[in-house]
Amino acid sequence: MEALLPSFVDQLLEHGQDPGEIPEISAIGRTGWLTALASRVVSVLSSETHGSADAFLAHGYAYLPVSVPDRHAVYLRVAAQSAMTPWLVDSPAVVLTAAGTVALEMYQEPSDMQAGRPQYARSFGPEQVFAVHSGTLCATQSSDDGLQVLAAHATLDTGERLSGDEYAAAAWRARWVLEELASAPVGGR
């Protein structure tokens, strides 16, 4: 079976925390991946029965686990609120933006986070990617239509469990967006 995630995700998850260690990702690998990813995720969602048992709400997102043979934990992140929300990263993670926008702020010290003084701030749109390391102090804010695919080394610490209705609503939104993306011409929108 073809891997669910683009190959550069492994590169980003495996590189160290040294800022000089930036993996070389080919220009071909950095673009044009969104339609194929959406198609593969829709295929996985169609081939298995998913339920709300492992879905949870944390950091302003509904996290829907995706069962895949990849060696990483993979989640669909569906925007659940549009406020800047702290995200205490406990496992290296790569966020692939599928729809909407996500604002990322990174902080050097906890006091900077509390005061709202980021060291780094950037917004990401569809087919843009960012990676974070364990221990990164950051916060994210998604647009209401935000959908991301998150890959992490390990299963994330869960937050509040989603009810069956909350799961159904988040799964429907994610599937609708992914089906639209999967039917888009290669190269995306």
N, C-alpha and C. Protein backbone atom coordinates (compact mmCIF):
# COMPACT_ATOMS: atom_id res chain seq x y z
N MET A 1 0.84 -1.19 0.00
CA MET A 1 0.00 0.00 0.00
C MET A 1 0.88 1.25 0.00
N GLU A 2 0.47 2.21 -0.77
CA GLU A 2 1.19 3.48 -0.82
C GLU A 2 1.09 4.18 0.54
N ALA A 3 2.18 4.80 0.96
CA ALA A 3 2.18 5.51 2.24
C ALA A 3 1.12 6.61 2.21
N LEU A 4 0.49 6.81 3.34
CA LEU A 4 -0.54 7.84 3.44
C LEU A 4 0.06 9.23 3.34
N LEU A 5 1.17 9.45 4.03
CA LEU A 5 1.76 10.78 4.15
C LEU A 5 2.83 11.03 3.08
N PRO A 6 2.99 12.28 2.66
CA PRO A 6 4.08 12.60 1.75
C PRO A 6 5.43 12.23 2.39
N SER A 7 6.40 11.87 1.57
CA SER A 7 7.70 11.39 2.09
C SER A 7 8.42 12.44 2.93
N PHE A 8 8.21 13.71 2.67
CA PHE A 8 8.92 14.73 3.44
C PHE A 8 8.50 14.76 4.91
N VAL A 9 7.34 14.18 5.24
CA VAL A 9 6.90 14.15 6.64
C VAL A 9 7.90 13.37 7.48
N ASP A 10 8.36 12.21 6.97
CA ASP A 10 9.39 11.44 7.68
C ASP A 10 10.65 12.28 7.89
N GLN A 11 11.06 13.00 6.87
CA GLN A 11 12.26 13.83 6.99
C GLN A 11 12.09 14.87 8.09
N LEU A 12 10.93 15.50 8.14
CA LEU A 12 10.70 16.54 9.14
C LEU A 12 10.61 15.97 10.55
N LEU A 13 10.00 14.80 10.68
CA LEU A 13 9.88 14.19 12.01
C LEU A 13 11.20 13.64 12.52
N GLU A 14 12.10 13.27 11.62
CA GLU A 14 13.35 12.65 12.02
C GLU A 14 14.50 13.63 12.27
N HIS A 15 14.38 14.86 11.80
CA HIS A 15 15.52 15.77 11.99
C HIS A 15 15.59 16.26 13.43
N GLY A 16 16.80 16.58 13.86
CA GLY A 16 17.03 17.00 15.24
C GLY A 16 16.56 18.42 15.50
N GLN A 17 16.82 18.88 16.70
CA GLN A 17 16.39 20.23 17.10
C GLN A 17 17.40 21.30 16.75
N ASP A 18 18.53 20.93 16.23
CA ASP A 18 19.55 21.89 15.83
C ASP A 18 19.02 22.69 14.63
N PRO A 19 18.94 24.03 14.75
CA PRO A 19 18.41 24.82 13.64
C PRO A 19 19.24 24.68 12.36
N GLY A 20 20.48 24.24 12.48
CA GLY A 20 21.30 24.01 11.30
C GLY A 20 20.98 22.72 10.59
N GLU A 21 20.19 21.86 11.22
CA GLU A 21 19.80 20.58 10.64
C GLU A 21 18.45 20.70 9.95
N ILE A 22 18.41 21.32 8.82
CA ILE A 22 17.17 21.45 8.08
C ILE A 22 17.22 20.43 6.94
N PRO A 23 16.27 19.50 6.91
CA PRO A 23 16.31 18.49 5.86
C PRO A 23 16.10 19.10 4.49
N GLU A 24 16.79 18.53 3.50
CA GLU A 24 16.61 19.00 2.13
C GLU A 24 15.42 18.28 1.53
N ILE A 25 14.41 19.04 1.22
CA ILE A 25 13.19 18.48 0.63
C ILE A 25 13.12 19.01 -0.78
N SER A 26 13.00 18.11 -1.74
CA SER A 26 13.00 18.53 -3.15
C SER A 26 11.80 19.42 -3.43
N ALA A 27 11.97 20.29 -4.40
CA ALA A 27 10.88 21.20 -4.78
C ALA A 27 9.67 20.41 -5.24
N ILE A 28 9.89 19.28 -5.89
CA ILE A 28 8.78 18.44 -6.35
C ILE A 28 8.01 17.89 -5.16
N GLY A 29 8.71 17.51 -4.11
CA GLY A 29 8.06 16.94 -2.93
C GLY A 29 7.29 17.95 -2.11
N ARG A 30 7.64 19.22 -2.22
CA ARG A 30 7.00 20.26 -1.39
C ARG A 30 5.67 20.73 -1.93
N THR A 31 5.38 20.44 -3.18
CA THR A 31 4.15 20.95 -3.78
C THR A 31 3.37 19.81 -4.42
N GLY A 32 2.09 20.05 -4.63
CA GLY A 32 1.26 19.09 -5.33
C GLY A 32 0.87 17.86 -4.52
N TRP A 33 1.08 17.88 -3.22
CA TRP A 33 0.80 16.70 -2.40
C TRP A 33 -0.61 16.68 -1.83
N LEU A 34 -1.29 17.81 -1.79
CA LEU A 34 -2.56 17.92 -1.07
C LEU A 34 -3.66 17.06 -1.68
N THR A 35 -3.83 17.09 -2.99
CA THR A 35 -4.89 16.30 -3.63
C THR A 35 -4.67 14.81 -3.40
N ALA A 36 -3.42 14.35 -3.56
CA ALA A 36 -3.12 12.93 -3.34
C ALA A 36 -3.34 12.53 -1.88
N LEU A 37 -2.92 13.38 -0.96
CA LEU A 37 -3.12 13.09 0.46
C LEU A 37 -4.61 13.00 0.79
N ALA A 38 -5.38 13.96 0.30
CA ALA A 38 -6.83 13.96 0.56
C ALA A 38 -7.46 12.68 0.01
N SER A 39 -7.07 12.28 -1.17
CA SER A 39 -7.60 11.06 -1.78
C SER A 39 -7.26 9.82 -0.95
N ARG A 40 -6.02 9.74 -0.47
CA ARG A 40 -5.62 8.59 0.34
C ARG A 40 -6.35 8.56 1.68
N VAL A 41 -6.53 9.73 2.30
CA VAL A 41 -7.24 9.78 3.59
C VAL A 41 -8.70 9.38 3.39
N VAL A 42 -9.35 9.88 2.34
CA VAL A 42 -10.74 9.50 2.06
C VAL A 42 -10.83 7.99 1.87
N SER A 43 -9.87 7.42 1.17
CA SER A 43 -9.84 5.97 0.95
C SER A 43 -9.75 5.21 2.27
N VAL A 44 -8.87 5.67 3.16
CA VAL A 44 -8.73 5.03 4.47
C VAL A 44 -10.03 5.16 5.26
N LEU A 45 -10.61 6.35 5.24
CA LEU A 45 -11.86 6.56 5.98
C LEU A 45 -13.00 5.70 5.43
N SER A 46 -12.98 5.46 4.11
CA SER A 46 -14.04 4.66 3.48
C SER A 46 -13.86 3.17 3.74
N SER A 47 -12.63 2.73 3.96
CA SER A 47 -12.36 1.31 4.10
C SER A 47 -12.49 0.78 5.52
N GLU A 48 -12.61 1.66 6.48
CA GLU A 48 -12.68 1.22 7.88
C GLU A 48 -13.85 1.89 8.59
N THR A 49 -14.28 1.23 9.64
CA THR A 49 -15.31 1.81 10.48
C THR A 49 -14.61 2.61 11.57
N HIS A 50 -14.87 3.88 11.62
CA HIS A 50 -14.27 4.74 12.63
C HIS A 50 -15.34 5.15 13.62
N GLY A 51 -14.96 5.29 14.84
CA GLY A 51 -15.91 5.70 15.85
C GLY A 51 -15.33 6.78 16.72
N SER A 52 -16.12 7.21 17.66
CA SER A 52 -15.71 8.33 18.49
C SER A 52 -14.84 7.91 19.67
N ALA A 53 -14.60 6.61 19.86
CA ALA A 53 -13.91 6.13 21.06
C ALA A 53 -12.55 6.80 21.30
N ASP A 54 -11.77 7.02 20.25
CA ASP A 54 -10.44 7.60 20.43
C ASP A 54 -10.35 9.06 20.01
N ALA A 55 -11.45 9.66 19.61
CA ALA A 55 -11.44 11.07 19.21
C ALA A 55 -11.51 11.94 20.45
N PHE A 56 -10.85 13.09 20.38
CA PHE A 56 -10.82 13.96 21.55
C PHE A 56 -10.71 15.42 21.14
N LEU A 57 -10.98 16.30 22.09
CA LEU A 57 -10.90 17.74 21.91
C LEU A 57 -9.72 18.26 22.72
N ALA A 58 -8.80 18.96 22.05
CA ALA A 58 -7.64 19.55 22.74
C ALA A 58 -7.08 20.68 21.88
N HIS A 59 -6.53 21.68 22.52
CA HIS A 59 -5.83 22.79 21.84
C HIS A 59 -6.70 23.49 20.81
N GLY A 60 -8.01 23.49 20.99
CA GLY A 60 -8.90 24.18 20.06
C GLY A 60 -9.29 23.35 18.85
N TYR A 61 -9.01 22.04 18.86
CA TYR A 61 -9.30 21.17 17.72
C TYR A 61 -9.98 19.89 18.19
N ALA A 62 -10.80 19.35 17.30
CA ALA A 62 -11.26 17.97 17.45
C ALA A 62 -10.21 17.12 16.74
N TYR A 63 -9.64 16.16 17.46
CA TYR A 63 -8.64 15.26 16.90
C TYR A 63 -9.32 13.94 16.57
N LEU A 64 -9.28 13.56 15.29
CA LEU A 64 -9.88 12.31 14.83
C LEU A 64 -8.76 11.39 14.38
N PRO A 65 -8.49 10.31 15.10
CA PRO A 65 -7.40 9.41 14.71
C PRO A 65 -7.69 8.75 13.36
N VAL A 66 -6.67 8.58 12.56
CA VAL A 66 -6.77 7.90 11.27
C VAL A 66 -5.94 6.63 11.38
N SER A 67 -6.57 5.48 11.18
CA SER A 67 -5.86 4.20 11.27
C SER A 67 -5.09 3.97 9.98
N VAL A 68 -3.77 3.99 10.10
CA VAL A 68 -2.92 3.81 8.93
C VAL A 68 -1.74 2.92 9.29
N PRO A 69 -1.17 2.27 8.27
CA PRO A 69 0.00 1.43 8.53
C PRO A 69 1.29 2.22 8.68
N ASP A 70 1.23 3.54 8.49
CA ASP A 70 2.43 4.36 8.67
C ASP A 70 2.93 4.18 10.10
N ARG A 71 4.18 4.46 10.31
CA ARG A 71 4.74 4.26 11.65
C ARG A 71 4.44 5.42 12.60
N HIS A 72 3.74 6.40 12.12
CA HIS A 72 3.42 7.57 12.92
C HIS A 72 1.95 7.56 13.32
N ALA A 73 1.64 8.26 14.39
CA ALA A 73 0.25 8.50 14.76
C ALA A 73 -0.25 9.61 13.83
N VAL A 74 -1.42 9.42 13.25
CA VAL A 74 -1.97 10.38 12.30
C VAL A 74 -3.37 10.77 12.76
N TYR A 75 -3.64 12.08 12.72
CA TYR A 75 -4.93 12.62 13.15
C TYR A 75 -5.42 13.63 12.12
N LEU A 76 -6.73 13.70 11.98
CA LEU A 76 -7.34 14.85 11.32
C LEU A 76 -7.63 15.85 12.44
N ARG A 77 -7.21 17.10 12.23
CA ARG A 77 -7.49 18.15 13.22
C ARG A 77 -8.52 19.07 12.61
N VAL A 78 -9.70 19.09 13.23
CA VAL A 78 -10.82 19.90 12.74
C VAL A 78 -10.99 21.06 13.71
N ALA A 79 -11.01 22.28 13.19
CA ALA A 79 -11.14 23.46 14.06
C ALA A 79 -12.40 23.35 14.90
N ALA A 80 -12.23 23.55 16.21
CA ALA A 80 -13.36 23.50 17.14
C ALA A 80 -13.63 24.86 17.79
N GLN A 81 -12.64 25.74 17.73
CA GLN A 81 -12.80 27.11 18.23
C GLN A 81 -11.80 27.98 17.48
N SER A 82 -12.04 29.27 17.49
CA SER A 82 -11.16 30.14 16.70
C SER A 82 -10.35 31.09 17.58
N ALA A 83 -10.04 30.68 18.80
CA ALA A 83 -9.21 31.50 19.69
C ALA A 83 -7.78 30.96 19.69
N MET A 84 -6.80 31.83 19.91
CA MET A 84 -5.41 31.40 20.05
C MET A 84 -5.33 30.53 21.30
N THR A 85 -4.89 29.29 21.14
CA THR A 85 -4.91 28.31 22.22
C THR A 85 -3.53 27.69 22.41
N PRO A 86 -3.02 27.66 23.65
CA PRO A 86 -1.72 27.03 23.89
C PRO A 86 -1.71 25.55 23.49
N TRP A 87 -0.58 25.14 22.94
CA TRP A 87 -0.39 23.73 22.55
C TRP A 87 0.95 23.32 23.12
N LEU A 88 0.93 22.50 24.15
CA LEU A 88 2.15 22.01 24.77
C LEU A 88 2.54 20.74 24.04
N VAL A 89 3.52 20.83 23.18
CA VAL A 89 3.90 19.74 22.29
C VAL A 89 4.65 18.67 23.07
N ASP A 90 4.10 17.44 23.08
CA ASP A 90 4.74 16.36 23.83
C ASP A 90 5.38 15.31 22.93
N SER A 91 5.27 15.46 21.62
CA SER A 91 5.90 14.55 20.67
C SER A 91 6.18 15.34 19.40
N PRO A 92 7.32 15.11 18.75
CA PRO A 92 7.55 15.81 17.48
C PRO A 92 6.35 15.62 16.56
N ALA A 93 5.96 16.70 15.90
CA ALA A 93 4.76 16.64 15.06
C ALA A 93 4.94 17.48 13.81
N VAL A 94 4.26 17.06 12.76
CA VAL A 94 4.20 17.80 11.50
C VAL A 94 2.73 18.07 11.22
N VAL A 95 2.42 19.32 10.91
CA VAL A 95 1.04 19.72 10.61
C VAL A 95 0.98 20.09 9.13
N LEU A 96 0.11 19.38 8.41
CA LEU A 96 -0.11 19.62 6.98
C LEU A 96 -1.47 20.31 6.85
N THR A 97 -1.48 21.53 6.41
CA THR A 97 -2.72 22.30 6.32
C THR A 97 -3.47 21.89 5.06
N ALA A 98 -4.70 21.40 5.26
CA ALA A 98 -5.54 20.98 4.14
C ALA A 98 -6.51 22.08 3.73
N ALA A 99 -7.11 22.76 4.71
CA ALA A 99 -8.10 23.79 4.40
C ALA A 99 -8.06 24.87 5.48
N GLY A 100 -8.51 26.05 5.10
CA GLY A 100 -8.51 27.17 6.04
C GLY A 100 -7.10 27.64 6.33
N THR A 101 -6.96 28.36 7.42
CA THR A 101 -5.64 28.84 7.82
C THR A 101 -5.41 28.47 9.28
N VAL A 102 -4.14 28.40 9.63
CA VAL A 102 -3.77 28.19 11.02
C VAL A 102 -2.64 29.17 11.34
N ALA A 103 -2.83 29.92 12.40
CA ALA A 103 -1.80 30.85 12.87
C ALA A 103 -0.99 30.12 13.94
N LEU A 104 0.32 30.25 13.87
CA LEU A 104 1.23 29.61 14.81
C LEU A 104 2.05 30.68 15.50
N GLU A 105 2.12 30.60 16.82
CA GLU A 105 3.02 31.46 17.59
C GLU A 105 3.91 30.56 18.42
N MET A 106 5.22 30.85 18.44
CA MET A 106 6.17 30.10 19.26
C MET A 106 6.80 31.05 20.26
N TYR A 107 7.05 30.51 21.46
CA TYR A 107 7.54 31.31 22.57
C TYR A 107 8.83 30.73 23.11
N GLN A 108 9.69 31.61 23.60
CA GLN A 108 10.95 31.17 24.18
C GLN A 108 10.78 30.72 25.63
N GLU A 109 9.97 31.44 26.39
CA GLU A 109 9.78 31.16 27.81
C GLU A 109 8.27 31.11 28.12
N PRO A 110 7.87 30.34 29.15
CA PRO A 110 6.45 30.33 29.54
C PRO A 110 5.91 31.73 29.84
N SER A 111 6.72 32.60 30.41
CA SER A 111 6.25 33.96 30.70
C SER A 111 5.93 34.72 29.41
N ASP A 112 6.67 34.45 28.33
CA ASP A 112 6.37 35.08 27.04
C ASP A 112 5.00 34.63 26.53
N MET A 113 4.70 33.33 26.75
CA MET A 113 3.41 32.80 26.32
C MET A 113 2.28 33.49 27.10
N GLN A 114 2.47 33.60 28.41
CA GLN A 114 1.44 34.22 29.24
C GLN A 114 1.23 35.69 28.88
N ALA A 115 2.31 36.36 28.48
CA ALA A 115 2.22 37.78 28.12
C ALA A 115 1.83 37.99 26.66
N GLY A 116 1.74 36.90 25.88
CA GLY A 116 1.40 37.02 24.46
C GLY A 116 2.50 37.65 23.64
N ARG A 117 3.78 37.34 23.99
CA ARG A 117 4.93 37.88 23.25
C ARG A 117 5.64 36.75 22.51
N PRO A 118 5.17 36.42 21.32
CA PRO A 118 5.82 35.32 20.60
C PRO A 118 7.19 35.71 20.06
N GLN A 119 8.06 34.72 19.99
CA GLN A 119 9.37 34.91 19.36
C GLN A 119 9.23 34.75 17.85
N TYR A 120 8.24 33.96 17.45
CA TYR A 120 8.01 33.66 16.04
C TYR A 120 6.51 33.56 15.83
N ALA A 121 6.00 34.14 14.75
CA ALA A 121 4.58 34.06 14.43
C ALA A 121 4.42 33.96 12.92
N ARG A 122 3.52 33.08 12.50
CA ARG A 122 3.30 32.90 11.07
C ARG A 122 1.95 32.26 10.86
N SER A 123 1.33 32.57 9.73
CA SER A 123 0.09 31.91 9.33
C SER A 123 0.37 30.95 8.19
N PHE A 124 -0.36 29.84 8.18
CA PHE A 124 -0.21 28.82 7.15
C PHE A 124 -1.54 28.58 6.48
N GLY A 125 -1.52 28.44 5.16
CA GLY A 125 -2.73 28.17 4.39
C GLY A 125 -2.67 26.78 3.79
N PRO A 126 -3.64 26.45 2.94
CA PRO A 126 -3.68 25.12 2.35
C PRO A 126 -2.37 24.76 1.64
N GLU A 127 -1.99 23.53 1.80
CA GLU A 127 -0.77 22.93 1.23
C GLU A 127 0.50 23.56 1.78
N GLN A 128 0.41 24.08 3.00
CA GLN A 128 1.60 24.55 3.71
C GLN A 128 1.78 23.69 4.95
N VAL A 129 3.03 23.58 5.40
CA VAL A 129 3.40 22.63 6.43
C VAL A 129 4.27 23.30 7.47
N PHE A 130 4.14 22.86 8.73
CA PHE A 130 5.11 23.24 9.75
C PHE A 130 5.36 22.06 10.67
N ALA A 131 6.53 22.07 11.30
CA ALA A 131 6.92 21.01 12.22
C ALA A 131 7.26 21.63 13.57
N VAL A 132 6.98 20.89 14.63
CA VAL A 132 7.32 21.34 15.99
C VAL A 132 7.97 20.18 16.73
N HIS A 133 8.88 20.51 17.63
CA HIS A 133 9.60 19.52 18.44
C HIS A 133 8.95 19.35 19.80
N SER A 134 9.26 18.24 20.44
CA SER A 134 8.81 18.03 21.82
C SER A 134 9.29 19.19 22.68
N GLY A 135 8.42 19.66 23.54
CA GLY A 135 8.79 20.74 24.45
C GLY A 135 8.62 22.13 23.87
N THR A 136 8.25 22.23 22.60
CA THR A 136 8.04 23.55 21.99
C THR A 136 6.88 24.25 22.70
N LEU A 137 7.09 25.49 23.06
CA LEU A 137 6.03 26.31 23.64
C LEU A 137 5.37 27.05 22.48
N CYS A 138 4.15 26.68 22.17
CA CYS A 138 3.49 27.36 21.06
C CYS A 138 2.00 27.45 21.30
N ALA A 139 1.35 28.20 20.44
CA ALA A 139 -0.09 28.33 20.44
C ALA A 139 -0.54 28.38 18.99
N THR A 140 -1.75 27.88 18.73
CA THR A 140 -2.29 27.92 17.39
C THR A 140 -3.71 28.48 17.42
N GLN A 141 -4.09 29.01 16.28
CA GLN A 141 -5.45 29.52 16.10
C GLN A 141 -5.86 29.18 14.68
N SER A 142 -6.97 28.51 14.53
CA SER A 142 -7.43 28.09 13.21
C SER A 142 -8.62 28.91 12.77
N SER A 143 -8.73 29.09 11.46
CA SER A 143 -9.96 29.67 10.94
C SER A 143 -11.08 28.65 11.15
N ASP A 144 -12.32 29.11 11.11
CA ASP A 144 -13.46 28.23 11.37
C ASP A 144 -13.50 27.04 10.41
N ASP A 145 -12.98 27.21 9.20
CA ASP A 145 -12.99 26.12 8.22
C ASP A 145 -11.68 25.33 8.21
N GLY A 146 -10.90 25.47 9.27
CA GLY A 146 -9.59 24.84 9.34
C GLY A 146 -9.64 23.32 9.43
N LEU A 147 -8.80 22.69 8.63
CA LEU A 147 -8.61 21.23 8.67
C LEU A 147 -7.14 20.96 8.40
N GLN A 148 -6.53 20.21 9.28
CA GLN A 148 -5.14 19.82 9.10
C GLN A 148 -5.00 18.32 9.29
N VAL A 149 -3.93 17.78 8.72
CA VAL A 149 -3.52 16.40 9.01
C VAL A 149 -2.28 16.54 9.88
N LEU A 150 -2.30 15.91 11.05
CA LEU A 150 -1.18 15.98 11.97
C LEU A 150 -0.55 14.60 12.07
N ALA A 151 0.76 14.53 11.90
CA ALA A 151 1.52 13.29 12.08
C ALA A 151 2.47 13.51 13.24
N ALA A 152 2.54 12.53 14.14
CA ALA A 152 3.41 12.64 15.30
C ALA A 152 4.13 11.31 15.51
N HIS A 153 5.28 11.38 16.21
CA HIS A 153 6.01 10.16 16.53
C HIS A 153 5.20 9.22 17.40
N ALA A 154 4.43 9.78 18.30
CA ALA A 154 3.70 8.97 19.27
C ALA A 154 2.25 9.43 19.34
N THR A 155 1.42 8.57 19.86
CA THR A 155 0.02 8.93 20.09
C THR A 155 -0.01 10.13 21.03
N LEU A 156 -0.84 11.10 20.70
CA LEU A 156 -0.91 12.32 21.51
C LEU A 156 -1.65 12.05 22.81
N ASP A 157 -1.24 12.80 23.85
CA ASP A 157 -2.00 12.78 25.09
C ASP A 157 -3.39 13.31 24.76
N THR A 158 -4.38 12.59 25.17
CA THR A 158 -5.73 12.98 24.79
C THR A 158 -6.28 14.06 25.71
N GLY A 159 -7.23 14.75 25.19
CA GLY A 159 -7.94 15.76 25.95
C GLY A 159 -9.32 15.23 26.30
N GLU A 160 -10.28 16.09 26.25
CA GLU A 160 -11.66 15.74 26.57
C GLU A 160 -12.24 14.89 25.43
N ARG A 161 -12.82 13.76 25.76
CA ARG A 161 -13.43 12.87 24.76
C ARG A 161 -14.57 13.58 24.04
N LEU A 162 -14.69 13.32 22.74
CA LEU A 162 -15.81 13.85 21.98
C LEU A 162 -17.03 12.96 22.19
N SER A 163 -18.20 13.57 22.25
CA SER A 163 -19.44 12.80 22.29
C SER A 163 -19.66 12.21 20.90
N GLY A 164 -20.58 11.29 20.79
CA GLY A 164 -20.90 10.71 19.49
C GLY A 164 -21.34 11.76 18.48
N ASP A 165 -22.16 12.71 18.93
CA ASP A 165 -22.63 13.77 18.04
C ASP A 165 -21.50 14.71 17.62
N GLU A 166 -20.63 15.05 18.57
CA GLU A 166 -19.48 15.92 18.25
C GLU A 166 -18.56 15.23 17.25
N TYR A 167 -18.32 13.93 17.48
CA TYR A 167 -17.48 13.18 16.55
C TYR A 167 -18.11 13.15 15.16
N ALA A 168 -19.40 12.84 15.09
CA ALA A 168 -20.09 12.75 13.80
C ALA A 168 -20.01 14.08 13.04
N ALA A 169 -20.20 15.19 13.74
CA ALA A 169 -20.14 16.50 13.09
C ALA A 169 -18.73 16.80 12.59
N ALA A 170 -17.71 16.54 13.41
CA ALA A 170 -16.32 16.80 13.00
C ALA A 170 -15.92 15.88 11.85
N ALA A 171 -16.29 14.61 11.93
CA ALA A 171 -15.94 13.65 10.87
C ALA A 171 -16.63 14.03 9.56
N TRP A 172 -17.88 14.47 9.62
CA TRP A 172 -18.59 14.88 8.41
C TRP A 172 -17.89 16.08 7.77
N ARG A 173 -17.53 17.08 8.59
CA ARG A 173 -16.83 18.27 8.05
C ARG A 173 -15.52 17.87 7.40
N ALA A 174 -14.74 17.03 8.08
CA ALA A 174 -13.44 16.62 7.55
C ALA A 174 -13.61 15.85 6.25
N ARG A 175 -14.52 14.91 6.23
CA ARG A 175 -14.73 14.10 5.03
C ARG A 175 -15.19 14.97 3.86
N TRP A 176 -16.10 15.90 4.12
CA TRP A 176 -16.60 16.78 3.06
C TRP A 176 -15.44 17.57 2.44
N VAL A 177 -14.60 18.17 3.28
CA VAL A 177 -13.45 18.94 2.79
C VAL A 177 -12.50 18.05 2.01
N LEU A 178 -12.19 16.88 2.57
CA LEU A 178 -11.24 15.98 1.91
C LEU A 178 -11.77 15.47 0.57
N GLU A 179 -13.06 15.17 0.50
CA GLU A 179 -13.63 14.74 -0.79
C GLU A 179 -13.55 15.86 -1.82
N GLU A 180 -13.80 17.10 -1.40
CA GLU A 180 -13.66 18.24 -2.33
C GLU A 180 -12.22 18.36 -2.82
N LEU A 181 -11.27 18.23 -1.89
CA LEU A 181 -9.84 18.33 -2.26
C LEU A 181 -9.42 17.18 -3.15
N ALA A 182 -9.92 15.98 -2.88
CA ALA A 182 -9.55 14.81 -3.67
C ALA A 182 -10.05 14.90 -5.11
N SER A 183 -11.15 15.62 -5.31
CA SER A 183 -11.68 15.75 -6.66
C SER A 183 -11.09 16.94 -7.41
N ALA A 184 -10.25 17.72 -6.74
CA ALA A 184 -9.62 18.89 -7.39
C ALA A 184 -8.56 18.41 -8.37
N PRO A 185 -8.28 19.20 -9.40
CA PRO A 185 -7.22 18.83 -10.32
C PRO A 185 -5.89 18.74 -9.58
N VAL A 186 -4.99 17.88 -10.05
CA VAL A 186 -3.66 17.75 -9.42
C VAL A 186 -3.03 19.12 -9.40
N GLY A 187 -2.41 19.47 -8.28
CA GLY A 187 -1.85 20.81 -8.10
C GLY A 187 -2.76 21.64 -7.24
N GLY A 188 -3.97 21.09 -6.97
CA GLY A 188 -4.87 21.73 -6.02
C GLY A 188 -5.61 22.92 -6.56
N ARG A 189 -6.08 23.69 -5.63
CA ARG A 189 -6.95 24.83 -5.91
C ARG A 189 -6.15 26.06 -6.20
